[in-house]
Structures are given as C-alpha cells and as structure tokens.
Amino acid sequence: MSQEVLIKDLIERVREELNQRQDMTDSELNVYIETLVLNSLEEHPMTSKQISQTVQRIYNAFRGLDVLQPLIDDKSITEIMINSDREIFIEQHGKTSQVDVAFESSERLEDIIQMIVGKVNRTVNASSPIVDARLEDGSRVNIVLPPVALKGPTMTIRKFPERPLMIDDLIQMGAITEEVADFLQKLVISKYNIFISGGTGSGKTTFLNVLSNFIPKDERIITIEDSAELQIKNIANLVSLETRNANTEGKGEITIRDLIKSSLRMRPDRIVVGEVRGSEALDMLQAMNTGHDGSLSTGHANSTKDMISRLETMVLSGVDFPINVIRQQISSAIDVMIHLSRLRDHSRKVVEISEIRGFQDNNVQLIPLYRFEEEGVNDYGKIIGSLKPTKYQLQQTDKLEFRGLSI
C-alpha cells in the first residue's frame, strides 16, 4: 500500500470516528490520529518526520484546509492559485510555480470552499458561483464555481502578511524613497484626499494600509471593504465595515455603496474605502466633497490618467450625469493620485504621484509631481531606479499650511 493510499484509508477511518463522536475536540482528534498512524507502522514503516507529516496531513483534512494548510503556513508563499482539485500553483519570492499536491477529489475541494465561505457568512453555489471571502487571518479569497469555472471549483488566495508592512519596509524594498515617504506622510496628516491606482498584484491594498497608519491617533476612522483586509493598528476609534452578499432568496445584500452612505451618519473624521469598482465611486467622491477630507481609496487601472477615465465610467454606471459634471466632481474631490506598478522583475513600486489641479478645458488637470526613472538592471536582473521629482511642485498647499506643515 502506497503512502497516499494509506493516508486515504486513515482519513476514512477518522471520518467514521468523527461521525460517531461529533463533539471530539481538536486535541482529542490529534491524539486519535497519532494512535492510528503509530498502529500502522508495523505494516507501513515511516521515519519520525514522515509520521509527523502524516499526522498533520490527516488532521488538516478535518480541522485545517486539507492539502492547502502547509501552503498557508509557509510564510514565504504570497499567493495560492487553485485552478482545479488537481492543479495548484503558488507565488513564492515573486515567481509562480506549480506544486506537487492535489485534493483527493473535486468534491473535497468544494467542501473546503464551503467551509471558508461559511465562516464569513458568505454563500457560493451553482446559481451564485462567484464570491469574495477571507480566511481567519484576513487573507483574501476569490472563488469561482462551475458552470462558470470549466475545470471545476477554482480558488485564489492572496495571503495576509503576518506583520503588516510599514513605510520603512517599503523604503528598504525600494518601493519608495525616504523623501517621498516624508511627503506622503505630511499629506495624510494634513487630510489630503488620496486615491491609489494600480494593476492586479501591484500592492494597492498594502500601500493603502501603510498610508492609513499615518493617520493621527485621535481621529475616528471608518473602513469600508468587500472583504476586510486593512490592518490599522494605531487608531483606537476605528469602525470596520464589510459588504454582504444576497442570501439564496436574493435578499439582504449590503454593498459598498450602502456602507459609504451609512458611514456618513457615523461622524467619521475620515473614510477609507478598500477599493471602488462601480457606482459607489460617486458616493465616495461626494463624501470627499462634503467635508470628509483625508479620505483614502484604491482602484484598478494601468495609469493615473486611466484611473480618471475609469472613475468617470464607474460614476456613469450609476447616474446619467453629463461627463463635465463628473469630471468636476473628480477634480474637486481628489487631491493626489498615487500609481503603483509591478515591474518586469516582479518588484512592486510607486511609479507616479500626481496632483489634481482642478478642471480646465473640459478635462481633469493631472500634474505629475514624482515619476519613477529606470536607470538600468543589476547582475541579478533587478531594475535599478527610483522616484524622481518632476519640474512641478505641489501647488495646493492650504491643507499643509493649516496643519503648520510645509514641503
């Protein structure tokens, strides 16, 4: 009998025992599995390391995330991509590779998916096959089921860092310079409305979290997200809100738009919106325009200019406003835009910081203050370069002056 066949056999025996003893605690389960494995050694000899791995593998099948648990526990893995029950990829040290692990069946993968979504009161099934969720540690999870996913249940896990990155970490990694970090800290303290844009995996949420930790400790903050990810540690007066999907009857949905409207009645000093994707962009802009300075948010785009166009499209998806009215809303609401990018060497960097200087000639005036300049590639294939100031300086300094700061 091979090791895999032995494990499947032991899993079935544990399952039968759990059906009889449904109140078995985690420690009791662990002892029971250890006993089963030790009793099998006469016919299936194993080293002490193999015994430990087998016990953990069987335990994870019932109280963990099955074959995914070791990948979750490995701190060097940043993303886990399950294309099907037999096909699992990981991102590790910026590189993607396939791992030699698989679920025992498609049904087992779906069991794990239902366990994950159930813990955060989400629903996913054939009639509603797409859902965003999170693990207990905050890691982001996206799930797509058949018939939309043709290979079978599909899940992508963006792992949550054990310790949230701080600005010093980003400086050390070369994602930003000390000069720019100091500049952005002053902007956040002075309550400039800041919008972060970037492509998939560029680090928008991480950067939003870093900026959020510049917020003064005595302020009241409302965070609004699809799946709660932000780790704001230094604010005592913090309310975290999370959207909710509709139930099986199509009722009970709570959207980001609903949460933004509700947050305005919660007396916030600032509103932090994890990501805007649709008509809620209008509510966010109106909040910024009605006294909620210092608000922060992110959006998916390939450049700051593209982000302006996307915001226009988002607002238009909810209301039938003339385009010039929407552009005026954007120009008066957002003060500074920061664009992040994942470069060809897989590094994530701030590549542009721009100031919005109002509305002129029927367009939002976007003026670059800093741009990433590439200077070459080192012997290890890493891009050399940094954010450089342009010939333009921040023009709207009234908020800085109000706080007694200068650049």
Protein backbone atom coordinates (compact mmCIF):
# COMPACT_ATOMS: atom_id res chain seq x y z
CA MET A 1 0.00 0.00 0.00
CA SER A 2 1.47 3.37 -1.02
CA GLN A 3 1.70 6.36 1.33
CA GLU A 4 -1.16 8.15 -0.45
CA VAL A 5 -3.41 5.10 -0.27
CA LEU A 6 -2.57 4.70 3.43
CA ILE A 7 -3.46 8.35 4.12
CA LYS A 8 -6.79 8.00 2.28
CA ASP A 9 -7.56 4.85 4.27
CA LEU A 10 -6.74 6.57 7.58
CA ILE A 11 -8.80 9.64 6.61
CA GLU A 12 -11.82 7.39 6.03
CA ARG A 13 -11.34 5.77 9.44
CA VAL A 14 -11.10 9.19 11.11
CA ARG A 15 -14.23 10.31 9.25
CA GLU A 16 -16.13 7.28 10.56
CA GLU A 17 -14.96 8.02 14.11
CA LEU A 18 -16.00 11.69 13.83
CA ASN A 19 -19.44 10.61 12.64
CA GLN A 20 -19.75 8.68 15.91
CA ARG A 21 -18.08 11.35 18.09
CA GLN A 22 -19.09 14.71 16.65
CA ASP A 23 -18.03 16.56 19.83
CA MET A 24 -14.39 15.46 19.56
CA THR A 25 -12.07 18.36 20.45
CA ASP A 26 -9.03 19.33 18.40
CA SER A 27 -6.62 17.80 20.91
CA GLU A 28 -8.64 14.57 21.12
CA LEU A 29 -8.70 14.35 17.33
CA ASN A 30 -4.94 14.85 17.18
CA VAL A 31 -4.33 12.08 19.73
CA TYR A 32 -6.69 9.73 17.87
CA ILE A 33 -4.87 10.36 14.56
CA GLU A 34 -1.47 9.83 16.18
CA THR A 35 -2.66 6.49 17.58
CA LEU A 36 -3.93 5.39 14.15
CA VAL A 37 -0.66 6.31 12.46
CA LEU A 38 1.50 4.64 15.12
CA ASN A 39 -0.59 1.47 14.88
CA SER A 40 0.03 1.36 11.14
CA LEU A 41 3.83 1.46 11.46
CA GLU A 42 4.27 -2.32 11.61
CA GLU A 43 2.88 -2.72 8.10
CA HIS A 44 3.94 0.73 6.84
CA PRO A 45 7.27 1.80 8.40
CA MET A 46 7.91 5.57 8.48
CA THR A 47 10.60 7.90 9.75
CA SER A 48 9.75 10.26 12.62
CA LYS A 49 9.46 13.12 10.11
CA GLN A 50 7.06 11.12 7.93
CA ILE A 51 4.97 10.24 10.99
CA SER A 52 4.68 13.92 11.94
CA GLN A 53 3.81 14.93 8.35
CA THR A 54 1.20 12.16 8.04
CA VAL A 55 -0.49 13.10 11.33
CA GLN A 56 -0.57 16.76 10.30
CA ARG A 57 -1.87 15.92 6.82
CA ILE A 58 -4.77 13.87 8.21
CA TYR A 59 -5.54 16.46 10.91
CA ASN A 60 -5.64 19.25 8.28
CA ALA A 61 -8.13 17.22 6.28
CA PHE A 62 -10.66 17.74 9.10
CA ARG A 63 -9.70 20.83 11.09
CA GLY A 64 -7.50 22.74 8.65
CA LEU A 65 -7.61 23.48 4.92
CA ASP A 66 -6.53 19.99 3.87
CA VAL A 67 -3.61 19.98 1.40
CA LEU A 68 -3.63 23.79 1.37
CA GLN A 69 -2.74 24.13 5.05
CA PRO A 70 1.06 23.68 4.65
CA LEU A 71 0.96 26.28 1.85
CA ILE A 72 -0.99 28.64 4.10
CA ASP A 73 1.52 28.09 6.93
CA ASP A 74 4.54 28.74 4.69
CA LYS A 75 5.30 32.45 5.24
CA SER A 76 7.35 32.69 2.04
CA ILE A 77 4.29 31.91 -0.15
CA THR A 78 2.33 35.06 -1.02
CA GLU A 79 -0.40 33.65 -3.27
CA ILE A 80 -2.06 30.27 -3.79
CA MET A 81 -3.91 29.63 -7.06
CA ILE A 82 -6.14 26.55 -7.18
CA ASN A 83 -7.17 26.05 -10.82
CA SER A 84 -8.86 22.71 -10.02
CA ASP A 85 -8.60 19.94 -7.46
CA ARG A 86 -5.55 18.52 -9.29
CA GLU A 87 -3.82 21.77 -10.30
CA ILE A 88 -2.37 24.14 -7.67
CA PHE A 89 0.11 26.97 -8.27
CA ILE A 90 1.86 29.26 -5.80
CA GLU A 91 3.66 32.60 -5.92
CA GLN A 92 6.86 32.49 -3.88
CA HIS A 93 9.60 35.15 -3.87
CA GLY A 94 7.84 36.82 -6.80
CA LYS A 95 7.83 33.70 -9.01
CA THR A 96 4.93 31.41 -9.90
CA SER A 97 5.28 27.63 -9.94
CA GLN A 98 3.10 24.52 -9.75
CA VAL A 99 3.22 22.44 -6.55
CA ASP A 100 3.02 18.66 -6.36
CA VAL A 101 -0.09 18.47 -4.18
CA ALA A 102 -3.71 17.80 -5.03
CA PHE A 103 -7.08 17.29 -3.36
CA GLU A 104 -8.47 13.78 -3.20
CA SER A 105 -11.42 14.91 -5.33
CA SER A 106 -13.28 17.92 -6.71
CA GLU A 107 -15.91 17.34 -4.02
CA ARG A 108 -13.26 17.66 -1.30
CA LEU A 109 -12.11 21.00 -2.72
CA GLU A 110 -15.71 22.19 -2.75
CA ASP A 111 -16.09 21.11 0.90
CA ILE A 112 -13.11 23.31 1.81
CA ILE A 113 -14.59 26.19 -0.18
CA GLN A 114 -17.92 25.89 1.63
CA MET A 115 -16.11 25.82 4.98
CA ILE A 116 -14.22 29.03 4.11
CA VAL A 117 -17.26 30.99 2.93
CA GLY A 118 -19.41 29.69 5.79
CA LYS A 119 -17.06 31.16 8.38
CA VAL A 120 -17.57 34.68 6.97
CA ASN A 121 -21.32 34.29 6.32
CA ARG A 122 -20.97 34.16 2.54
CA THR A 123 -22.75 31.92 0.06
CA VAL A 124 -21.44 30.36 -3.13
CA ASN A 125 -23.25 27.78 -5.27
CA ALA A 126 -24.15 26.97 -8.87
CA SER A 127 -26.72 29.79 -9.03
CA SER A 128 -24.32 32.30 -7.44
CA PRO A 129 -20.92 30.91 -8.45
CA ILE A 130 -18.60 33.86 -7.71
CA VAL A 131 -17.75 35.18 -4.25
CA ASP A 132 -15.04 37.07 -2.38
CA ALA A 133 -14.24 35.90 1.14
CA ARG A 134 -11.34 35.83 3.60
CA LEU A 135 -9.53 33.42 5.86
CA GLU A 136 -9.39 33.82 9.64
CA ASP A 137 -6.01 35.58 9.35
CA GLY A 138 -7.52 38.08 6.89
CA SER A 139 -6.08 36.59 3.69
CA ARG A 140 -8.18 37.48 0.65
CA VAL A 141 -10.03 34.65 -1.12
CA ASN A 142 -11.76 34.68 -4.50
CA ILE A 143 -13.87 31.67 -5.50
CA VAL A 144 -15.44 30.71 -8.82
CA LEU A 145 -17.51 27.52 -9.14
CA PRO A 146 -18.83 25.57 -12.14
CA PRO A 147 -20.50 26.11 -14.52
CA VAL A 148 -18.54 29.38 -14.77
CA ALA A 149 -15.23 27.64 -13.93
CA LEU A 150 -14.81 24.95 -16.58
CA LYS A 151 -12.10 22.88 -14.84
CA GLY A 152 -14.01 22.63 -11.58
CA PRO A 153 -14.01 24.71 -8.36
CA THR A 154 -11.40 27.46 -8.58
CA MET A 155 -9.97 29.47 -5.70
CA THR A 156 -7.29 32.17 -5.41
CA ILE A 157 -5.86 33.07 -2.00
CA ARG A 158 -3.92 36.32 -1.57
CA LYS A 159 -2.17 35.64 1.73
CA PHE A 160 -2.20 38.12 4.56
CA PRO A 161 1.24 39.09 5.88
CA GLU A 162 1.97 38.00 9.44
CA ARG A 163 3.07 41.55 10.20
CA PRO A 164 1.62 44.47 8.23
CA LEU A 165 4.28 46.28 6.21
CA MET A 166 5.22 49.75 7.37
CA ILE A 167 6.70 52.63 5.40
CA ASP A 168 10.26 51.68 6.47
CA ASP A 169 9.74 48.25 4.91
CA LEU A 170 8.73 49.82 1.60
CA ILE A 171 11.76 52.12 1.69
CA GLN A 172 14.05 49.16 2.36
CA MET A 173 12.45 47.20 -0.51
CA GLY A 174 12.97 50.14 -2.87
CA ALA A 175 9.24 50.65 -3.46
CA ILE A 176 9.51 54.28 -2.38
CA THR A 177 12.18 56.80 -1.33
CA GLU A 178 12.56 58.44 2.08
CA GLU A 179 11.85 61.86 0.55
CA VAL A 180 8.58 60.68 -0.97
CA ALA A 181 7.60 58.80 2.21
CA ASP A 182 8.02 62.01 4.21
CA PHE A 183 6.00 63.91 1.61
CA LEU A 184 3.13 61.40 1.70
CA GLN A 185 3.10 61.30 5.50
CA LYS A 186 2.59 65.07 5.55
CA LEU A 187 -0.23 64.78 3.00
CA VAL A 188 -2.05 62.15 5.08
CA ILE A 189 -1.65 64.11 8.32
CA SER A 190 -2.91 67.24 6.53
CA LYS A 191 -6.04 65.38 5.32
CA TYR A 192 -5.46 65.44 1.59
CA ASN A 193 -7.85 63.13 -0.26
CA ILE A 194 -5.63 60.45 -1.80
CA PHE A 195 -6.50 57.86 -4.43
CA ILE A 196 -4.21 54.88 -5.11
CA SER A 197 -4.32 53.17 -8.51
CA GLY A 198 -2.53 50.14 -9.91
CA GLY A 199 -2.86 46.88 -11.75
CA THR A 200 -3.56 43.42 -10.33
CA GLY A 201 -1.00 42.44 -7.69
CA SER A 202 0.70 45.85 -7.68
CA GLY A 203 0.27 46.25 -3.91
CA LYS A 204 -2.61 48.76 -3.71
CA THR A 205 -4.13 47.36 -0.50
CA THR A 206 -0.72 47.05 1.15
CA PHE A 207 0.11 50.65 0.28
CA LEU A 208 -3.30 51.86 1.45
CA ASN A 209 -2.63 50.14 4.77
CA VAL A 210 0.78 51.83 5.04
CA LEU A 211 -0.72 55.28 4.41
CA SER A 212 -3.57 54.58 6.86
CA ASN A 213 -1.03 54.16 9.63
CA PHE A 214 0.00 57.82 9.19
CA ILE A 215 -3.47 58.94 10.34
CA PRO A 216 -3.31 60.78 13.70
CA LYS A 217 -4.34 58.58 16.64
CA ASP A 218 -7.09 60.89 17.90
CA GLU A 219 -9.28 60.64 14.77
CA ARG A 220 -12.35 58.48 14.11
CA ILE A 221 -11.92 56.25 11.07
CA ILE A 222 -14.48 54.18 9.15
CA THR A 223 -13.05 51.50 6.84
CA ILE A 224 -15.22 50.00 4.10
CA GLU A 225 -14.19 46.85 2.21
CA ASP A 226 -15.58 43.92 0.24
CA SER A 227 -13.52 41.59 2.42
CA ALA A 228 -11.85 43.10 5.47
CA GLU A 229 -8.08 43.23 4.92
CA LEU A 230 -6.80 46.52 6.30
CA GLN A 231 -4.70 46.33 9.47
CA ILE A 232 -4.84 49.79 11.02
CA LYS A 233 -3.14 49.35 14.37
CA ASN A 234 -2.69 52.85 15.80
CA ILE A 235 -6.31 54.09 15.76
CA ALA A 236 -8.48 53.37 18.79
CA ASN A 237 -11.67 54.94 17.38
CA LEU A 238 -11.97 52.61 14.39
CA VAL A 239 -15.05 51.04 12.80
CA SER A 240 -14.51 48.34 10.14
CA LEU A 241 -17.40 47.63 7.77
CA GLU A 242 -17.66 44.74 5.30
CA THR A 243 -20.12 44.10 2.47
CA ARG A 244 -22.57 41.20 2.49
CA ASN A 245 -23.84 39.10 -0.40
CA ALA A 246 -27.50 38.44 -1.02
CA ASN A 247 -28.93 35.27 0.50
CA THR A 248 -30.32 32.35 -1.50
CA GLU A 249 -33.57 34.29 -1.96
CA GLY A 250 -31.71 37.24 -3.45
CA LYS A 251 -32.26 39.42 -0.38
CA GLY A 252 -30.09 41.01 2.28
CA GLU A 253 -27.26 42.29 0.07
CA ILE A 254 -25.25 45.17 1.54
CA THR A 255 -22.99 46.90 -0.97
CA ILE A 256 -20.05 49.27 -0.64
CA ARG A 257 -22.44 52.00 -1.77
CA ASP A 258 -24.76 51.19 1.16
CA LEU A 259 -21.85 51.24 3.58
CA ILE A 260 -20.50 54.59 2.33
CA LYS A 261 -23.92 56.18 2.76
CA SER A 262 -24.24 54.70 6.25
CA SER A 263 -20.73 55.76 7.24
CA LEU A 264 -21.59 59.42 6.64
CA ARG A 265 -24.03 59.17 9.56
CA MET A 266 -21.34 57.74 11.86
CA ARG A 267 -19.45 61.01 12.37
CA PRO A 268 -16.20 59.91 10.72
CA ASP A 269 -13.11 62.09 10.56
CA ARG A 270 -12.03 60.03 7.57
CA ILE A 271 -13.44 57.29 5.37
CA VAL A 272 -11.14 54.61 3.95
CA VAL A 273 -12.65 52.62 1.07
CA GLY A 274 -10.67 49.48 0.22
CA GLU A 275 -11.47 49.54 -3.49
CA VAL A 276 -14.06 51.21 -5.70
CA ARG A 277 -15.28 49.18 -8.68
CA GLY A 278 -18.66 50.58 -9.68
CA SER A 279 -21.35 53.15 -8.97
CA GLU A 280 -20.13 53.58 -5.38
CA ALA A 281 -17.42 55.84 -6.86
CA LEU A 282 -20.00 58.66 -6.94
CA ASP A 283 -20.78 58.25 -3.23
CA MET A 284 -17.08 58.25 -2.41
CA LEU A 285 -16.48 61.43 -4.42
CA GLN A 286 -19.47 63.14 -2.83
CA ALA A 287 -18.21 62.18 0.64
CA MET A 288 -14.83 63.73 -0.19
CA ASN A 289 -16.65 66.84 -1.43
CA THR A 290 -18.80 67.26 1.68
CA GLY A 291 -16.27 67.77 4.44
CA HIS A 292 -14.73 64.31 4.79
CA ASP A 293 -11.19 65.36 3.96
CA GLY A 294 -8.38 62.87 4.40
CA SER A 295 -10.29 60.05 2.76
CA LEU A 296 -8.33 57.26 1.10
CA SER A 297 -9.27 54.70 -1.54
CA THR A 298 -7.92 52.49 -4.32
CA GLY A 299 -8.93 51.48 -7.82
CA HIS A 300 -7.77 49.18 -10.60
CA ALA A 301 -6.10 50.94 -13.56
CA ASN A 302 -2.95 50.95 -15.67
CA SER A 303 -2.04 54.62 -15.05
CA THR A 304 -3.27 57.68 -13.20
CA LYS A 305 -4.82 59.01 -16.40
CA ASP A 306 -6.55 55.68 -16.98
CA MET A 307 -7.84 55.80 -13.39
CA ILE A 308 -9.55 59.13 -14.07
CA SER A 309 -11.31 57.58 -17.08
CA ARG A 310 -12.31 54.53 -15.04
CA LEU A 311 -13.76 56.72 -12.29
CA GLU A 312 -15.83 58.53 -14.92
CA THR A 313 -17.14 55.19 -16.20
CA MET A 314 -17.91 53.98 -12.67
CA VAL A 315 -19.95 57.08 -11.87
CA LEU A 316 -21.80 56.84 -15.20
CA SER A 317 -22.81 53.26 -14.36
CA GLY A 318 -24.98 54.62 -11.55
CA VAL A 319 -26.24 58.02 -12.75
CA ASP A 320 -26.84 59.82 -16.02
CA PHE A 321 -24.73 62.93 -15.38
CA PRO A 322 -23.06 64.99 -18.11
CA ILE A 323 -19.39 63.99 -18.37
CA ASN A 324 -18.22 67.50 -17.47
CA VAL A 325 -20.17 67.37 -14.20
CA ILE A 326 -18.48 64.07 -13.32
CA ARG A 327 -15.03 65.44 -14.14
CA GLN A 328 -15.69 68.47 -11.95
CA GLN A 329 -16.69 66.11 -9.12
CA ILE A 330 -13.43 64.17 -9.51
CA SER A 331 -11.26 67.29 -9.72
CA SER A 332 -12.77 68.87 -6.61
CA ALA A 333 -12.82 65.63 -4.58
CA ILE A 334 -9.38 64.04 -5.10
CA ASP A 335 -6.21 65.97 -4.27
CA VAL A 336 -3.44 63.47 -5.04
CA MET A 337 -3.22 60.26 -7.06
CA ILE A 338 -0.57 57.60 -6.49
CA HIS A 339 0.08 54.92 -9.09
CA LEU A 340 1.72 51.58 -8.27
CA SER A 341 3.08 49.06 -10.72
CA ARG A 342 4.53 45.57 -10.72
CA LEU A 343 7.63 45.81 -12.87
CA ARG A 344 9.06 43.13 -15.16
CA ASP A 345 11.46 41.95 -12.40
CA HIS A 346 8.33 41.29 -10.25
CA SER A 347 9.13 44.16 -7.87
CA ARG A 348 6.30 46.46 -6.78
CA LYS A 349 6.98 50.17 -6.82
CA VAL A 350 5.32 53.57 -6.68
CA VAL A 351 5.85 54.81 -10.23
CA GLU A 352 3.95 58.12 -10.20
CA ILE A 353 2.49 60.67 -7.80
CA SER A 354 0.31 63.35 -9.35
CA GLU A 355 -1.64 66.34 -8.12
CA ILE A 356 -5.13 67.10 -9.42
CA ARG A 357 -5.27 70.84 -10.04
CA GLY A 358 -8.88 71.36 -10.81
CA PHE A 359 -10.92 71.29 -14.00
CA GLN A 360 -9.85 73.15 -17.14
CA ASP A 361 -10.70 72.90 -20.84
CA ASN A 362 -13.28 70.18 -20.04
CA ASN A 363 -10.60 67.93 -18.52
CA VAL A 364 -9.26 67.00 -15.10
CA GLN A 365 -5.86 68.65 -14.73
CA LEU A 366 -3.41 65.92 -13.66
CA ILE A 367 0.09 67.20 -12.89
CA PRO A 368 2.92 64.70 -12.15
CA LEU A 369 5.00 65.55 -9.06
CA TYR A 370 7.16 62.40 -8.94
CA ARG A 371 7.92 59.74 -11.55
CA PHE A 372 9.88 56.51 -11.42
CA GLU A 373 13.00 56.69 -13.58
CA GLU A 374 14.69 53.44 -14.55
CA GLU A 375 18.48 53.60 -14.56
CA GLY A 376 19.35 50.06 -15.60
CA VAL A 377 19.36 46.44 -14.44
CA ASN A 378 21.79 44.85 -11.97
CA ASP A 379 23.56 41.49 -12.29
CA TYR A 380 20.59 39.73 -10.67
CA GLY A 381 18.08 41.10 -13.17
CA LYS A 382 16.65 43.64 -10.71
CA ILE A 383 15.64 47.03 -12.07
CA ILE A 384 17.67 49.96 -10.74
CA GLY A 385 15.85 53.26 -10.38
CA SER A 386 13.84 55.47 -8.07
CA LEU A 387 11.11 58.08 -7.84
CA LYS A 388 12.41 61.44 -9.05
CA PRO A 389 10.75 64.83 -8.58
CA THR A 390 9.47 66.44 -11.76
CA LYS A 391 9.72 70.17 -12.53
CA TYR A 392 6.33 70.62 -10.84
CA GLN A 393 5.70 71.09 -7.13
CA LEU A 394 2.54 70.68 -5.08
CA GLN A 395 0.50 73.81 -5.75
CA GLN A 396 -2.43 73.33 -3.37
CA THR A 397 -0.66 73.76 -0.03
CA ASP A 398 -3.55 75.20 2.01
CA LYS A 399 -4.18 71.95 3.94
CA LEU A 400 -0.47 71.65 4.78
CA GLU A 401 -0.36 75.26 5.97
CA PHE A 402 -3.46 74.74 8.10
CA ARG A 403 -1.59 71.98 9.95
CA GLY A 404 1.55 74.07 10.24
CA LEU A 405 3.47 71.86 7.79
CA SER A 406 5.44 72.56 4.63
CA ILE A 407 7.18 70.58 1.89
